Every structure is written in structure tokens, then in C-alpha cells.
Amino acid sequence: MRDCCVEEARRSLKRHRDVATCDACGALLLAYGNDTDYERTLEELSAHAIEPETFHQGSLKIIAKPKPTT
């Protein structure tokens, strides 16, 4: 996980289903407090060939979806 995303997640994501955007790299940050939603999101991203980065912040599981390149 990029340091900038970790920093933004610590500032902005406090509970299940919180969403933020990393100011530095533009990644979409998603917070999950339960395994079902977290796994479904990872499966959906994988189905669209998107490789997110993940990490844990306390009881939350964080997904960083990279900003699309155009």
C-alpha cells in the first residue's frame, strides 16, 4: 500500500463503508468492517481486471482502487 493512501485512510476512514480519495495519487479508498462486503468488492474489482492494494486499519479492511489511467 502506498504511504500516501495509508495516511489518507488514517485521516478519513473511521467506519464501515466510509469512502475517501487519496489527495496525492487519486486512488479511491474504501473501508469495510465485515468480511462479506470486503470479499465481494475484491471479487468485483478482480472481474474487471483491477488490482487494488489492501491493508488493515484496526478492525477495518481498506481497499485502495488505483486511479484509472487514460
N, C-alpha and C. Protein backbone atom coordinates (compact mmCIF):
# COMPACT_ATOMS: atom_id res chain seq x y z
N MET A 1 0.85 -1.17 0.00
CA MET A 1 0.00 0.00 0.00
C MET A 1 0.89 1.23 0.00
N ARG A 2 0.55 2.17 -0.81
CA ARG A 2 1.31 3.42 -0.87
C ARG A 2 1.19 4.19 0.44
N ASP A 3 2.28 4.83 0.83
CA ASP A 3 2.27 5.61 2.07
C ASP A 3 1.21 6.71 2.04
N CYS A 4 1.02 7.33 0.88
CA CYS A 4 0.03 8.42 0.78
C CYS A 4 -1.38 7.89 1.03
N CYS A 5 -1.67 6.68 0.57
CA CYS A 5 -3.00 6.09 0.77
C CYS A 5 -3.21 5.71 2.24
N VAL A 6 -2.17 5.18 2.87
CA VAL A 6 -2.26 4.83 4.28
C VAL A 6 -2.54 6.09 5.11
N GLU A 7 -1.83 7.16 4.80
CA GLU A 7 -2.01 8.43 5.51
C GLU A 7 -3.44 8.95 5.35
N GLU A 8 -3.93 8.94 4.11
CA GLU A 8 -5.30 9.43 3.86
C GLU A 8 -6.33 8.54 4.54
N ALA A 9 -6.12 7.23 4.51
CA ALA A 9 -7.05 6.30 5.16
C ALA A 9 -7.11 6.56 6.66
N ARG A 10 -5.98 6.78 7.27
CA ARG A 10 -5.95 7.05 8.72
C ARG A 10 -6.68 8.34 9.06
N ARG A 11 -6.60 9.32 8.17
CA ARG A 11 -7.29 10.60 8.39
C ARG A 11 -8.79 10.51 8.15
N SER A 12 -9.18 9.77 7.11
CA SER A 12 -10.55 9.87 6.61
C SER A 12 -11.47 8.69 6.87
N LEU A 13 -10.93 7.49 7.03
CA LEU A 13 -11.78 6.30 7.12
C LEU A 13 -11.90 5.85 8.57
N LYS A 14 -13.10 5.95 9.10
CA LYS A 14 -13.32 5.64 10.52
C LYS A 14 -14.30 4.49 10.75
N ARG A 15 -15.17 4.20 9.75
CA ARG A 15 -16.19 3.17 9.96
C ARG A 15 -16.51 2.44 8.66
N HIS A 16 -17.27 1.36 8.80
CA HIS A 16 -17.68 0.52 7.67
C HIS A 16 -18.33 1.38 6.58
N ARG A 17 -17.89 1.15 5.36
CA ARG A 17 -18.39 1.81 4.15
C ARG A 17 -18.02 3.29 4.01
N ASP A 18 -17.06 3.76 4.79
CA ASP A 18 -16.52 5.09 4.54
C ASP A 18 -15.75 5.05 3.23
N VAL A 19 -15.74 6.18 2.53
CA VAL A 19 -15.06 6.30 1.24
C VAL A 19 -14.26 7.59 1.25
N ALA A 20 -13.08 7.55 0.64
CA ALA A 20 -12.24 8.74 0.51
C ALA A 20 -11.42 8.62 -0.77
N THR A 21 -10.84 9.73 -1.17
CA THR A 21 -9.93 9.75 -2.30
C THR A 21 -8.58 10.24 -1.81
N CYS A 22 -7.54 9.54 -2.18
CA CYS A 22 -6.19 9.93 -1.81
C CYS A 22 -5.82 11.20 -2.58
N ASP A 23 -5.50 12.26 -1.86
CA ASP A 23 -5.15 13.52 -2.49
C ASP A 23 -3.86 13.43 -3.31
N ALA A 24 -2.94 12.59 -2.89
CA ALA A 24 -1.65 12.51 -3.56
C ALA A 24 -1.69 11.72 -4.88
N CYS A 25 -2.32 10.55 -4.87
CA CYS A 25 -2.29 9.70 -6.07
C CYS A 25 -3.64 9.50 -6.73
N GLY A 26 -4.72 9.93 -6.08
CA GLY A 26 -6.04 9.83 -6.68
C GLY A 26 -6.74 8.50 -6.50
N ALA A 27 -6.16 7.58 -5.74
CA ALA A 27 -6.79 6.27 -5.52
C ALA A 27 -8.08 6.42 -4.72
N LEU A 28 -9.06 5.59 -5.04
CA LEU A 28 -10.30 5.53 -4.29
C LEU A 28 -10.08 4.60 -3.10
N LEU A 29 -10.35 5.08 -1.90
CA LEU A 29 -10.15 4.30 -0.68
C LEU A 29 -11.50 3.89 -0.12
N LEU A 30 -11.66 2.59 0.13
CA LEU A 30 -12.90 2.02 0.61
C LEU A 30 -12.66 1.28 1.91
N ALA A 31 -13.49 1.52 2.92
CA ALA A 31 -13.34 0.86 4.22
C ALA A 31 -14.45 -0.15 4.43
N TYR A 32 -14.08 -1.32 4.95
CA TYR A 32 -15.05 -2.37 5.22
C TYR A 32 -14.87 -2.92 6.62
N GLY A 33 -15.99 -3.09 7.31
CA GLY A 33 -15.97 -3.63 8.65
C GLY A 33 -16.43 -5.07 8.72
N ASN A 34 -16.84 -5.63 7.58
CA ASN A 34 -17.20 -7.05 7.59
C ASN A 34 -16.60 -7.75 6.37
N ASP A 35 -16.37 -9.03 6.53
CA ASP A 35 -15.69 -9.82 5.51
C ASP A 35 -16.51 -9.98 4.24
N THR A 36 -17.82 -10.09 4.36
CA THR A 36 -18.67 -10.33 3.19
C THR A 36 -18.56 -9.19 2.18
N ASP A 37 -18.76 -7.97 2.61
CA ASP A 37 -18.68 -6.83 1.70
C ASP A 37 -17.27 -6.66 1.14
N TYR A 38 -16.29 -6.85 1.98
CA TYR A 38 -14.89 -6.74 1.58
C TYR A 38 -14.57 -7.74 0.47
N GLU A 39 -14.94 -9.01 0.67
CA GLU A 39 -14.66 -10.05 -0.33
C GLU A 39 -15.43 -9.81 -1.62
N ARG A 40 -16.68 -9.37 -1.53
CA ARG A 40 -17.47 -9.09 -2.74
C ARG A 40 -16.84 -7.97 -3.55
N THR A 41 -16.35 -6.96 -2.88
CA THR A 41 -15.72 -5.84 -3.58
C THR A 41 -14.44 -6.32 -4.27
N LEU A 42 -13.62 -7.09 -3.58
CA LEU A 42 -12.40 -7.63 -4.20
C LEU A 42 -12.73 -8.50 -5.42
N GLU A 43 -13.77 -9.32 -5.32
CA GLU A 43 -14.18 -10.16 -6.44
C GLU A 43 -14.63 -9.31 -7.62
N GLU A 44 -15.40 -8.28 -7.35
CA GLU A 44 -15.89 -7.41 -8.42
C GLU A 44 -14.74 -6.67 -9.11
N LEU A 45 -13.80 -6.17 -8.33
CA LEU A 45 -12.64 -5.50 -8.92
C LEU A 45 -11.83 -6.47 -9.76
N SER A 46 -11.64 -7.68 -9.27
CA SER A 46 -10.91 -8.70 -10.00
C SER A 46 -11.61 -9.05 -11.32
N ALA A 47 -12.93 -9.11 -11.30
CA ALA A 47 -13.70 -9.42 -12.51
C ALA A 47 -13.50 -8.36 -13.58
N HIS A 48 -13.13 -7.15 -13.17
CA HIS A 48 -12.89 -6.06 -14.11
C HIS A 48 -11.40 -5.80 -14.32
N ALA A 49 -10.58 -6.78 -13.95
CA ALA A 49 -9.12 -6.72 -14.12
C ALA A 49 -8.50 -5.52 -13.42
N ILE A 50 -9.04 -5.16 -12.27
CA ILE A 50 -8.49 -4.08 -11.46
C ILE A 50 -7.78 -4.71 -10.27
N GLU A 51 -6.52 -4.34 -10.08
CA GLU A 51 -5.73 -4.91 -8.99
C GLU A 51 -5.56 -3.88 -7.88
N PRO A 52 -6.41 -3.94 -6.85
CA PRO A 52 -6.31 -2.99 -5.76
C PRO A 52 -5.22 -3.39 -4.77
N GLU A 53 -4.85 -2.44 -3.95
CA GLU A 53 -3.98 -2.72 -2.82
C GLU A 53 -4.86 -2.76 -1.58
N THR A 54 -4.44 -3.54 -0.57
CA THR A 54 -5.25 -3.67 0.64
C THR A 54 -4.37 -3.57 1.88
N PHE A 55 -5.00 -3.18 2.98
CA PHE A 55 -4.34 -3.23 4.28
C PHE A 55 -5.40 -3.15 5.37
N HIS A 56 -5.00 -3.42 6.59
CA HIS A 56 -5.90 -3.36 7.74
C HIS A 56 -5.58 -2.13 8.57
N GLN A 57 -6.63 -1.51 9.04
CA GLN A 57 -6.51 -0.35 9.93
C GLN A 57 -7.44 -0.62 11.11
N GLY A 58 -6.89 -1.10 12.19
CA GLY A 58 -7.73 -1.50 13.32
C GLY A 58 -8.63 -2.64 12.89
N SER A 59 -9.94 -2.47 13.08
CA SER A 59 -10.89 -3.51 12.69
C SER A 59 -11.36 -3.35 11.24
N LEU A 60 -10.92 -2.29 10.58
CA LEU A 60 -11.34 -2.06 9.19
C LEU A 60 -10.36 -2.68 8.21
N LYS A 61 -10.93 -3.15 7.10
CA LYS A 61 -10.14 -3.62 5.97
C LYS A 61 -10.26 -2.53 4.90
N ILE A 62 -9.12 -2.06 4.42
CA ILE A 62 -9.09 -0.95 3.48
C ILE A 62 -8.68 -1.45 2.10
N ILE A 63 -9.41 -1.00 1.09
CA ILE A 63 -9.07 -1.28 -0.31
C ILE A 63 -8.73 0.05 -0.97
N ALA A 64 -7.61 0.08 -1.68
CA ALA A 64 -7.23 1.25 -2.46
C ALA A 64 -7.33 0.87 -3.94
N LYS A 65 -8.34 1.43 -4.61
CA LYS A 65 -8.54 1.18 -6.02
C LYS A 65 -7.77 2.26 -6.78
N PRO A 66 -6.80 1.86 -7.61
CA PRO A 66 -5.98 2.85 -8.30
C PRO A 66 -6.81 3.74 -9.24
N LYS A 67 -6.34 4.96 -9.40
CA LYS A 67 -6.98 5.88 -10.32
C LYS A 67 -6.81 5.35 -11.74
N PRO A 68 -7.88 5.35 -12.53
CA PRO A 68 -7.77 4.85 -13.90
C PRO A 68 -6.80 5.68 -14.73
N THR A 69 -6.05 5.02 -15.57
CA THR A 69 -5.16 5.73 -16.47
C THR A 69 -5.88 5.93 -17.80
N THR A 70 -5.71 7.08 -18.36
CA THR A 70 -6.40 7.35 -19.64
C THR A 70 -5.42 7.58 -20.75
